[in-house]
Amino acid sequence: MLEVVLESGVLEGATALEVLNGENTAALVGPGGTAEVVQFRDGADLGGGRYRMTGLLRGRRGTEDQIPARDTGDLFVLLDDALRFQAATSEITATRHHRAPTI
């Protein structure tokens, strides 16, 4: 279970299969800039921008070493839209090079 406060927007739940396919991805960023990528299945609205997330998958995308570094007050950043890349069928075998911005 994880509780967060959002400055704007809402969290929506997803099925277990949708989560395994990349839905509801977020980063928990500590004061030193280290981040853990997590995913969640359910986001219950507690009111006032506060949400309780359950069905967590932690340490995603190679960030399992950051699990012990998480603490109260870490920044929550929803990454769903940032991780999507849409391409035409003709581009499936094309090589693409991407550079990720820092958090």
Protein backbone atom coordinates (compact mmCIF):
# COMPACT_ATOMS: atom_id res chain seq x y z
CA MET A 1 0.00 0.00 0.00
CA LEU A 2 1.17 3.51 -0.87
CA GLU A 3 -0.53 6.85 -0.15
CA VAL A 4 0.18 9.95 -2.22
CA VAL A 5 -1.16 13.48 -2.55
CA LEU A 6 -1.61 14.80 -6.09
CA GLU A 7 -1.29 18.48 -6.95
CA SER A 8 -3.53 17.92 -9.98
CA GLY A 9 -5.19 15.13 -11.92
CA VAL A 10 -6.69 11.84 -10.82
CA LEU A 11 -5.52 8.24 -10.55
CA GLU A 12 -7.47 5.43 -12.16
CA GLY A 13 -7.34 1.72 -11.54
CA ALA A 14 -6.29 -0.86 -14.11
CA THR A 15 -6.62 -4.60 -14.49
CA ALA A 16 -3.69 -6.82 -13.51
CA LEU A 17 -3.05 -7.52 -17.21
CA GLU A 18 -3.04 -3.80 -18.05
CA VAL A 19 -0.52 -3.17 -15.28
CA LEU A 20 1.72 -5.96 -16.58
CA ASN A 21 1.47 -4.30 -20.01
CA GLY A 22 2.74 -0.99 -18.62
CA GLU A 23 -0.29 0.89 -17.26
CA ASN A 24 -0.18 2.94 -14.04
CA THR A 25 3.57 3.48 -13.99
CA ALA A 26 5.05 6.06 -11.62
CA ALA A 27 8.37 7.09 -10.11
CA LEU A 28 9.08 7.69 -6.44
CA VAL A 29 11.90 10.23 -6.33
CA GLY A 30 13.93 10.80 -3.18
CA PRO A 31 15.61 14.03 -2.06
CA GLY A 32 18.90 12.95 -3.64
CA GLY A 33 17.25 12.44 -7.04
CA THR A 34 17.30 8.64 -6.90
CA ALA A 35 14.09 7.07 -8.21
CA GLU A 36 12.23 3.80 -7.96
CA VAL A 37 9.75 2.93 -10.69
CA VAL A 38 6.51 1.40 -9.39
CA GLN A 39 3.20 0.30 -10.85
CA PHE A 40 -0.17 0.05 -9.16
CA ARG A 41 -3.46 -1.70 -9.89
CA ASP A 42 -5.93 0.32 -7.79
CA GLY A 43 -6.00 3.99 -6.79
CA ALA A 44 -8.67 4.74 -4.16
CA ASP A 45 -9.64 8.43 -3.88
CA LEU A 46 -9.46 9.47 -0.22
CA GLY A 47 -10.47 13.08 -0.96
CA GLY A 48 -8.44 16.27 -1.06
CA GLY A 49 -6.13 14.95 -3.80
CA ARG A 50 -5.04 12.05 -1.58
CA TYR A 51 -4.98 8.51 -3.02
CA ARG A 52 -4.24 5.07 -1.61
CA MET A 53 -2.66 2.73 -4.15
CA THR A 54 -2.78 -1.03 -3.81
CA GLY A 55 -1.70 -3.93 -5.98
CA LEU A 56 1.83 -2.51 -6.17
CA LEU A 57 4.69 -3.79 -8.30
CA ARG A 58 7.91 -2.26 -6.96
CA GLY A 59 11.42 -1.93 -8.38
CA ARG A 60 10.29 -1.96 -12.00
CA ARG A 61 12.57 -1.28 -14.98
CA GLY A 62 15.75 -2.16 -13.10
CA THR A 63 15.15 0.05 -10.05
CA GLU A 64 14.88 -2.73 -7.47
CA ASP A 65 18.06 -1.47 -5.79
CA GLN A 66 16.17 1.74 -4.89
CA ILE A 67 13.43 0.00 -2.86
CA PRO A 68 15.20 0.40 0.53
CA ALA A 69 15.87 4.10 -0.18
CA ARG A 70 12.17 5.07 -0.27
CA ASP A 71 10.86 7.22 2.57
CA THR A 72 7.95 9.41 3.57
CA GLY A 73 7.96 12.62 1.57
CA ASP A 74 9.36 11.20 -1.67
CA LEU A 75 8.05 12.88 -4.82
CA PHE A 76 5.41 10.92 -6.77
CA VAL A 77 5.55 11.34 -10.58
CA LEU A 78 3.00 9.58 -12.78
CA LEU A 79 4.82 8.31 -15.89
CA ASP A 80 2.06 6.72 -17.96
CA ASP A 81 1.99 9.30 -20.75
CA ALA A 82 5.75 9.84 -20.69
CA LEU A 83 6.45 6.15 -21.48
CA ARG A 84 4.16 5.75 -24.47
CA PHE A 85 5.57 5.71 -27.97
CA GLN A 86 3.20 5.38 -30.90
CA ALA A 87 4.55 4.12 -34.21
CA ALA A 88 3.10 3.01 -37.52
CA THR A 89 3.20 -0.68 -38.40
CA SER A 90 5.84 0.07 -41.05
CA GLU A 91 8.19 1.34 -38.31
CA ILE A 92 8.19 -1.86 -36.23
CA THR A 93 11.67 -2.95 -37.34
CA ALA A 94 13.14 0.57 -37.47
CA THR A 95 15.97 1.41 -35.07
CA ARG A 96 15.25 4.39 -32.85
CA HIS A 97 17.60 6.09 -30.41
CA HIS A 98 16.01 7.96 -27.50
CA ARG A 99 17.56 10.01 -24.75
CA ALA A 100 15.61 10.23 -21.51
CA PRO A 101 15.53 13.55 -19.69
CA THR A 102 16.62 13.61 -16.07
CA ILE A 103 14.08 13.95 -13.32
